[in-house]
């Protein structure tokens, strides 16, 4: 479910995106295209895979533009 252009959530996590940090490497879309897309809006669909896989991909973001927090405790990761 999209909240706004920079925040996406499912029942487990909320993913935030900072376009000012993004270097447009495309790593997220190349490595986890079920969730991240370069051509579909909304470009993040957290319902297409397990939350664990999304978190693993976010940790590989080269610029740090993608971050997440768990919805139950609101701590950034």
PDB file of N, CA and C in Angstrom:
ATOM      1  N   UNK A   1       0.845  -1.186   0.000  1.00  0.00           N
ATOM      2  CA  UNK A   1       0.000   0.000   0.000  1.00  0.00           C
ATOM      3  C   UNK A   1       0.881   1.235   0.000  1.00  0.00           C
ATOM      4  N   UNK A   2       0.666   2.125  -0.915  1.00  0.00           N
ATOM      5  CA  UNK A   2       1.464   3.337  -1.005  1.00  0.00           C
ATOM      6  C   UNK A   2       0.871   4.424  -0.117  1.00  0.00           C
ATOM      7  N   UNK A   3       1.709   5.051   0.715  1.00  0.00           N
ATOM      8  CA  UNK A   3       1.277   6.147   1.573  1.00  0.00           C
ATOM      9  C   UNK A   3       1.517   7.460   0.862  1.00  0.00           C
ATOM     10  N   UNK A   4       2.716   7.641   0.341  1.00  0.00           N
ATOM     11  CA  UNK A   4       3.034   8.778  -0.525  1.00  0.00           C
ATOM     12  C   UNK A   4       4.188   8.354  -1.411  1.00  0.00           C
ATOM     13  N   UNK A   5       4.729   9.224  -2.194  1.00  0.00           N
ATOM     14  CA  UNK A   5       5.757   8.855  -3.162  1.00  0.00           C
ATOM     15  C   UNK A   5       7.044   8.346  -2.507  1.00  0.00           C
ATOM     16  N   UNK A   6       7.222   8.589  -1.220  1.00  0.00           N
ATOM     17  CA  UNK A   6       8.479   8.236  -0.568  1.00  0.00           C
ATOM     18  C   UNK A   6       8.315   7.241   0.563  1.00  0.00           C
ATOM     19  N   UNK A   7       7.130   6.692   0.760  1.00  0.00           N
ATOM     20  CA  UNK A   7       6.908   5.768   1.867  1.00  0.00           C
ATOM     21  C   UNK A   7       5.940   4.673   1.439  1.00  0.00           C
ATOM     22  N   UNK A   8       6.332   3.440   1.706  1.00  0.00           N
ATOM     23  CA  UNK A   8       5.540   2.270   1.310  1.00  0.00           C
ATOM     24  C   UNK A   8       5.487   1.329   2.495  1.00  0.00           C
ATOM     25  N   UNK A   9       4.356   0.635   2.666  1.00  0.00           N
ATOM     26  CA  UNK A   9       4.278  -0.274   3.810  1.00  0.00           C
ATOM     27  C   UNK A   9       3.496  -1.527   3.485  1.00  0.00           C
ATOM     28  N   UNK A  10       3.820  -2.541   4.270  1.00  0.00           N
ATOM     29  CA  UNK A  10       2.994  -3.736   4.324  1.00  0.00           C
ATOM     30  C   UNK A  10       2.669  -3.944   5.804  1.00  0.00           C
ATOM     31  N   UNK A  11       2.190  -5.089   6.173  1.00  0.00           N
ATOM     32  CA  UNK A  11       1.816  -5.259   7.583  1.00  0.00           C
ATOM     33  C   UNK A  11       3.031  -5.307   8.511  1.00  0.00           C
ATOM     34  N   UNK A  12       4.211  -5.641   7.991  1.00  0.00           N
ATOM     35  CA  UNK A  12       5.402  -5.826   8.812  1.00  0.00           C
ATOM     36  C   UNK A  12       6.322  -4.607   8.881  1.00  0.00           C
ATOM     37  N   UNK A  13       6.556  -3.980   7.730  1.00  0.00           N
ATOM     38  CA  UNK A  13       7.546  -2.901   7.666  1.00  0.00           C
ATOM     39  C   UNK A  13       7.026  -1.705   6.882  1.00  0.00           C
ATOM     40  N   UNK A  14       7.687  -0.576   7.095  1.00  0.00           N
ATOM     41  CA  UNK A  14       7.500   0.611   6.265  1.00  0.00           C
ATOM     42  C   UNK A  14       8.843   0.918   5.625  1.00  0.00           C
ATOM     43  N   UNK A  15       8.844   1.072   4.314  1.00  0.00           N
ATOM     44  CA  UNK A  15      10.054   1.387   3.551  1.00  0.00           C
ATOM     45  C   UNK A  15      10.003   2.862   3.194  1.00  0.00           C
ATOM     46  N   UNK A  16      11.098   3.548   3.458  1.00  0.00           N
ATOM     47  CA  UNK A  16      11.196   4.956   3.080  1.00  0.00           C
ATOM     48  C   UNK A  16      12.249   5.108   1.981  1.00  0.00           C
ATOM     49  N   UNK A  17      12.017   6.096   1.135  1.00  0.00           N
ATOM     50  CA  UNK A  17      12.901   6.357  -0.001  1.00  0.00           C
ATOM     51  C   UNK A  17      13.259   7.835  -0.014  1.00  0.00           C
ATOM     52  N   UNK A  18      14.559   8.119  -0.048  1.00  0.00           N
ATOM     53  CA  UNK A  18      15.048   9.491  -0.111  1.00  0.00           C
ATOM     54  C   UNK A  18      15.644   9.725  -1.497  1.00  0.00           C
ATOM     55  N   UNK A  19      14.898  10.388  -2.391  1.00  0.00           N
ATOM     56  CA  UNK A  19      15.401  10.588  -3.755  1.00  0.00           C
ATOM     57  C   UNK A  19      16.657  11.443  -3.817  1.00  0.00           C
ATOM     58  N   UNK A  20      16.913  12.250  -2.800  1.00  0.00           N
ATOM     59  CA  UNK A  20      18.127  13.071  -2.785  1.00  0.00           C
ATOM     60  C   UNK A  20      19.381  12.234  -2.576  1.00  0.00           C
ATOM     61  N   UNK A  21      19.244  11.070  -1.956  1.00  0.00           N
ATOM     62  CA  UNK A  21      20.386  10.174  -1.728  1.00  0.00           C
ATOM     63  C   UNK A  21      20.588   9.182  -2.871  1.00  0.00           C
ATOM     64  N   UNK A  22      19.532   8.892  -3.605  1.00  0.00           N
ATOM     65  CA  UNK A  22      19.566   7.837  -4.611  1.00  0.00           C
ATOM     66  C   UNK A  22      20.552   8.164  -5.738  1.00  0.00           C
ATOM     67  N   UNK A  23      21.398   7.190  -6.077  1.00  0.00           N
ATOM     68  CA  UNK A  23      22.355   7.352  -7.175  1.00  0.00           C
ATOM     69  C   UNK A  23      21.867   6.639  -8.447  1.00  0.00           C
ATOM     70  N   UNK A  24      20.629   6.159  -8.407  1.00  0.00           N
ATOM     71  CA  UNK A  24      19.987   5.519  -9.559  1.00  0.00           C
ATOM     72  C   UNK A  24      20.796   4.362 -10.136  1.00  0.00           C
ATOM     73  N   UNK A  25      21.392   3.568  -9.269  1.00  0.00           N
ATOM     74  CA  UNK A  25      22.155   2.405  -9.716  1.00  0.00           C
ATOM     75  C   UNK A  25      21.242   1.307 -10.241  1.00  0.00           C
ATOM     76  N   UNK A  26      19.994   1.294  -9.794  1.00  0.00           N
ATOM     77  CA  UNK A  26      19.067   0.265 -10.233  1.00  0.00           C
ATOM     78  C   UNK A  26      19.256  -1.062  -9.533  1.00  0.00           C
ATOM     79  N   UNK A  27      20.116  -1.109  -8.523  1.00  0.00           N
ATOM     80  CA  UNK A  27      20.394  -2.346  -7.807  1.00  0.00           C
ATOM     81  C   UNK A  27      19.116  -2.982  -7.273  1.00  0.00           C
ATOM     82  N   UNK A  28      18.252  -2.183  -6.699  1.00  0.00           N
ATOM     83  CA  UNK A  28      17.019  -2.733  -6.113  1.00  0.00           C
ATOM     84  C   UNK A  28      16.166  -3.414  -7.181  1.00  0.00           C
ATOM     85  N   UNK A  29      15.960  -2.764  -8.313  1.00  0.00           N
ATOM     86  CA  UNK A  29      15.126  -3.320  -9.380  1.00  0.00           C
ATOM     87  C   UNK A  29      15.791  -4.505 -10.071  1.00  0.00           C
ATOM     88  N   UNK A  30      17.099  -4.478 -10.203  1.00  0.00           N
ATOM     89  CA  UNK A  30      17.810  -5.591 -10.846  1.00  0.00           C
ATOM     90  C   UNK A  30      17.799  -6.837  -9.980  1.00  0.00           C
ATOM     91  N   UNK A  31      17.966  -6.664  -8.679  1.00  0.00           N
ATOM     92  CA  UNK A  31      18.110  -7.808  -7.784  1.00  0.00           C
ATOM     93  C   UNK A  31      16.796  -8.293  -7.189  1.00  0.00           C
ATOM     94  N   UNK A  32      15.780  -7.437  -7.109  1.00  0.00           N
ATOM     95  CA  UNK A  32      14.498  -7.849  -6.543  1.00  0.00           C
ATOM     96  C   UNK A  32      13.365  -7.187  -7.339  1.00  0.00           C
ATOM     97  N   UNK A  33      13.264  -7.595  -8.589  1.00  0.00           N
ATOM     98  CA  UNK A  33      12.303  -6.974  -9.503  1.00  0.00           C
ATOM     99  C   UNK A  33      10.856  -7.292  -9.155  1.00  0.00           C
ATOM    100  N   UNK A  34      10.609  -8.282  -8.312  1.00  0.00           N
ATOM    101  CA  UNK A  34       9.247  -8.556  -7.854  1.00  0.00           C
ATOM    102  C   UNK A  34       8.704  -7.419  -6.996  1.00  0.00           C
ATOM    103  N   UNK A  35       9.604  -6.669  -6.374  1.00  0.00           N
ATOM    104  CA  UNK A  35       9.214  -5.600  -5.450  1.00  0.00           C
ATOM    105  C   UNK A  35       9.517  -4.220  -6.015  1.00  0.00           C
ATOM    106  N   UNK A  36      10.702  -4.036  -6.548  1.00  0.00           N
ATOM    107  CA  UNK A  36      11.155  -2.725  -7.033  1.00  0.00           C
ATOM    108  C   UNK A  36      11.116  -2.697  -8.556  1.00  0.00           C
ATOM    109  N   UNK A  37      10.590  -1.616  -9.114  1.00  0.00           N
ATOM    110  CA  UNK A  37      10.446  -1.514 -10.564  1.00  0.00           C
ATOM    111  C   UNK A  37      10.935  -0.159 -11.057  1.00  0.00           C
ATOM    112  N   UNK A  38      11.507  -0.163 -12.245  1.00  0.00           N
ATOM    113  CA  UNK A  38      11.904   1.083 -12.891  1.00  0.00           C
ATOM    114  C   UNK A  38      10.809   1.625 -13.798  1.00  0.00           C
ATOM    115  N   UNK A  39       9.756   0.827 -14.037  1.00  0.00           N
ATOM    116  CA  UNK A  39       8.786   1.228 -15.047  1.00  0.00           C
ATOM    117  C   UNK A  39       7.319   1.168 -14.608  1.00  0.00           C
ATOM    118  N   UNK A  40       7.039   0.713 -13.414  1.00  0.00           N
ATOM    119  CA  UNK A  40       5.662   0.582 -12.955  1.00  0.00           C
ATOM    120  C   UNK A  40       5.432   1.506 -11.770  1.00  0.00           C
ATOM    121  N   UNK A  41       4.267   2.120 -11.714  1.00  0.00           N
ATOM    122  CA  UNK A  41       3.924   2.972 -10.574  1.00  0.00           C
ATOM    123  C   UNK A  41       2.760   2.315  -9.855  1.00  0.00           C
ATOM    124  N   UNK A  42       2.784   2.125  -8.548  1.00  0.00           N
ATOM    125  CA  UNK A  42       3.886   2.519  -7.682  1.00  0.00           C
ATOM    126  C   UNK A  42       5.094   1.615  -7.924  1.00  0.00           C
ATOM    127  N   UNK A  43       6.267   2.181  -7.809  1.00  0.00           N
ATOM    128  CA  UNK A  43       7.489   1.451  -8.153  1.00  0.00           C
ATOM    129  C   UNK A  43       7.951   0.498  -7.054  1.00  0.00           C
ATOM    130  N   UNK A  44       7.309   0.549  -5.890  1.00  0.00           N
ATOM    131  CA  UNK A  44       7.593  -0.391  -4.805  1.00  0.00           C
ATOM    132  C   UNK A  44       6.293  -1.107  -4.462  1.00  0.00           C
ATOM    133  N   UNK A  45       6.320  -2.439  -4.525  1.00  0.00           N
ATOM    134  CA  UNK A  45       5.163  -3.246  -4.160  1.00  0.00           C
ATOM    135  C   UNK A  45       5.615  -4.295  -3.155  1.00  0.00           C
ATOM    136  N   UNK A  46       5.458  -3.991  -1.896  1.00  0.00           N
ATOM    137  CA  UNK A  46       5.956  -4.856  -0.828  1.00  0.00           C
ATOM    138  C   UNK A  46       5.177  -6.151  -0.695  1.00  0.00           C
ATOM    139  N   UNK A  47       4.044  -6.260  -1.344  1.00  0.00           N
ATOM    140  CA  UNK A  47       3.233  -7.463  -1.240  1.00  0.00           C
ATOM    141  C   UNK A  47       3.686  -8.581  -2.172  1.00  0.00           C
ATOM    142  N   UNK A  48       4.679  -8.326  -3.004  1.00  0.00           N
ATOM    143  CA  UNK A  48       5.098  -9.314  -3.995  1.00  0.00           C
ATOM    144  C   UNK A  48       6.135 -10.314  -3.505  1.00  0.00           C
ATOM    145  N   UNK A  49       6.616 -10.202  -2.282  1.00  0.00           N
ATOM    146  CA  UNK A  49       7.567 -11.178  -1.750  1.00  0.00           C
ATOM    147  C   UNK A  49       7.572 -11.107  -0.233  1.00  0.00           C
ATOM    148  N   UNK A  50       8.387 -11.936   0.368  1.00  0.00           N
ATOM    149  CA  UNK A  50       8.494 -11.978   1.830  1.00  0.00           C
ATOM    150  C   UNK A  50       9.213 -10.739   2.344  1.00  0.00           C
ATOM    151  N   UNK A  51       8.800 -10.267   3.499  1.00  0.00           N
ATOM    152  CA  UNK A  51       9.411  -9.086   4.118  1.00  0.00           C
ATOM    153  C   UNK A  51      10.911  -9.289   4.323  1.00  0.00           C
ATOM    154  N   UNK A  52      11.310 -10.475   4.676  1.00  0.00           N
ATOM    155  CA  UNK A  52      12.735 -10.772   4.896  1.00  0.00           C
ATOM    156  C   UNK A  52      13.566 -10.458   3.651  1.00  0.00           C
ATOM    157  N   UNK A  53      13.055 -10.810   2.481  1.00  0.00           N
ATOM    158  CA  UNK A  53      13.783 -10.544   1.229  1.00  0.00           C
ATOM    159  C   UNK A  53      13.868  -9.047   0.943  1.00  0.00           C
ATOM    160  N   UNK A  54      12.806  -8.318   1.261  1.00  0.00           N
ATOM    161  CA  UNK A  54      12.816  -6.864   1.064  1.00  0.00           C
ATOM    162  C   UNK A  54      13.885  -6.230   1.943  1.00  0.00           C
ATOM    163  N   UNK A  55      13.936  -6.638   3.205  1.00  0.00           N
ATOM    164  CA  UNK A  55      14.919  -6.099   4.147  1.00  0.00           C
ATOM    165  C   UNK A  55      16.337  -6.396   3.663  1.00  0.00           C
ATOM    166  N   UNK A  56      16.578  -7.609   3.207  1.00  0.00           N
ATOM    167  CA  UNK A  56      17.908  -7.969   2.698  1.00  0.00           C
ATOM    168  C   UNK A  56      18.301  -7.078   1.525  1.00  0.00           C
ATOM    169  N   UNK A  57      17.351  -6.789   0.638  1.00  0.00           N
ATOM    170  CA  UNK A  57      17.643  -5.940  -0.518  1.00  0.00           C
ATOM    171  C   UNK A  57      17.907  -4.500  -0.100  1.00  0.00           C
ATOM    172  N   UNK A  58      17.128  -3.990   0.824  1.00  0.00           N
ATOM    173  CA  UNK A  58      17.325  -2.622   1.308  1.00  0.00           C
ATOM    174  C   UNK A  58      18.721  -2.466   1.897  1.00  0.00           C
ATOM    175  N   UNK A  59      19.200  -3.464   2.587  1.00  0.00           N
ATOM    176  CA  UNK A  59      20.544  -3.415   3.180  1.00  0.00           C
ATOM    177  C   UNK A  59      21.634  -3.373   2.117  1.00  0.00           C
ATOM    178  N   UNK A  60      21.309  -3.771   0.879  1.00  0.00           N
ATOM    179  CA  UNK A  60      22.284  -3.724  -0.223  1.00  0.00           C
ATOM    180  C   UNK A  60      22.195  -2.435  -1.033  1.00  0.00           C
ATOM    181  N   UNK A  61      21.331  -1.527  -0.674  1.00  0.00           N
ATOM    182  CA  UNK A  61      21.202  -0.258  -1.399  1.00  0.00           C
ATOM    183  C   UNK A  61      22.519   0.515  -1.291  1.00  0.00           C
ATOM    184  N   UNK A  62      23.178   0.784  -2.409  1.00  0.00           N
ATOM    185  CA  UNK A  62      24.508   1.394  -2.352  1.00  0.00           C
ATOM    186  C   UNK A  62      24.523   2.838  -1.831  1.00  0.00           C
ATOM    187  N   UNK A  63      23.420   3.542  -1.951  1.00  0.00           N
ATOM    188  CA  UNK A  63      23.399   4.947  -1.538  1.00  0.00           C
ATOM    189  C   UNK A  63      22.761   5.171  -0.171  1.00  0.00           C
ATOM    190  N   UNK A  64      22.036   4.180   0.318  1.00  0.00           N
ATOM    191  CA  UNK A  64      21.310   4.367   1.564  1.00  0.00           C
ATOM    192  C   UNK A  64      19.990   5.103   1.373  1.00  0.00           C
ATOM    193  N   UNK A  65      19.546   5.234   0.135  1.00  0.00           N
ATOM    194  CA  UNK A  65      18.288   5.937  -0.150  1.00  0.00           C
ATOM    195  C   UNK A  65      17.078   5.158   0.342  1.00  0.00           C
ATOM    196  N   UNK A  66      17.214   3.846   0.411  1.00  0.00           N
ATOM    197  CA  UNK A  66      16.135   3.007   0.925  1.00  0.00           C
ATOM    198  C   UNK A  66      16.432   2.635   2.373  1.00  0.00           C
ATOM    199  N   UNK A  67      15.455   2.820   3.229  1.00  0.00           N
ATOM    200  CA  UNK A  67      15.555   2.414   4.629  1.00  0.00           C
ATOM    201  C   UNK A  67      14.232   1.788   5.014  1.00  0.00           C
ATOM    202  N   UNK A  68      14.200   1.143   6.160  1.00  0.00           N
ATOM    203  CA  UNK A  68      12.957   0.539   6.619  1.00  0.00           C
ATOM    204  C   UNK A  68      12.881   0.605   8.131  1.00  0.00           C
ATOM    205  N   UNK A  69      11.681   0.482   8.626  1.00  0.00           N
ATOM    206  CA  UNK A  69      11.480   0.237  10.050  1.00  0.00           C
ATOM    207  C   UNK A  69      10.323  -0.724  10.199  1.00  0.00           C
ATOM    208  N   UNK A  70      10.376  -1.473  11.281  1.00  0.00           N
ATOM    209  CA  UNK A  70       9.310  -2.432  11.563  1.00  0.00           C
ATOM    210  C   UNK A  70       8.123  -1.660  12.122  1.00  0.00           C
ATOM    211  N   UNK A  71       6.959  -1.972  11.664  1.00  0.00           N
ATOM    212  CA  UNK A  71       5.765  -1.236  12.057  1.00  0.00           C
ATOM    213  C   UNK A  71       5.416  -1.413  13.533  1.00  0.00           C
ATOM    214  N   UNK A  72       5.855  -2.493  14.148  1.00  0.00           N
ATOM    215  CA  UNK A  72       5.495  -2.709  15.538  1.00  0.00           C
ATOM    216  C   UNK A  72       6.320  -1.910  16.521  1.00  0.00           C
ATOM    217  N   UNK A  73       7.516  -1.436  16.132  1.00  0.00           N
ATOM    218  CA  UNK A  73       8.308  -0.676  17.107  1.00  0.00           C
ATOM    219  C   UNK A  73       8.843   0.649  16.577  1.00  0.00           C
ATOM    220  N   UNK A  74       8.616   0.964  15.313  1.00  0.00           N
ATOM    221  CA  UNK A  74       8.969   2.256  14.702  1.00  0.00           C
ATOM    222  C   UNK A  74      10.440   2.632  14.842  1.00  0.00           C
ATOM    223  N   UNK A  75      11.337   1.668  14.948  1.00  0.00           N
ATOM    224  CA  UNK A  75      12.772   1.955  15.003  1.00  0.00           C
ATOM    225  C   UNK A  75      13.349   1.842  13.607  1.00  0.00           C
ATOM    226  N   UNK A  76      14.089   2.851  13.190  1.00  0.00           N
ATOM    227  CA  UNK A  76      14.708   2.833  11.861  1.00  0.00           C
ATOM    228  C   UNK A  76      15.797   1.792  11.807  1.00  0.00           C
ATOM    229  N   UNK A  77      15.993   1.247  10.608  1.00  0.00           N
ATOM    230  CA  UNK A  77      17.047   0.267  10.394  1.00  0.00           C
ATOM    231  C   UNK A  77      17.820   0.605   9.154  1.00  0.00           C
TER     232      UNK A  77
END
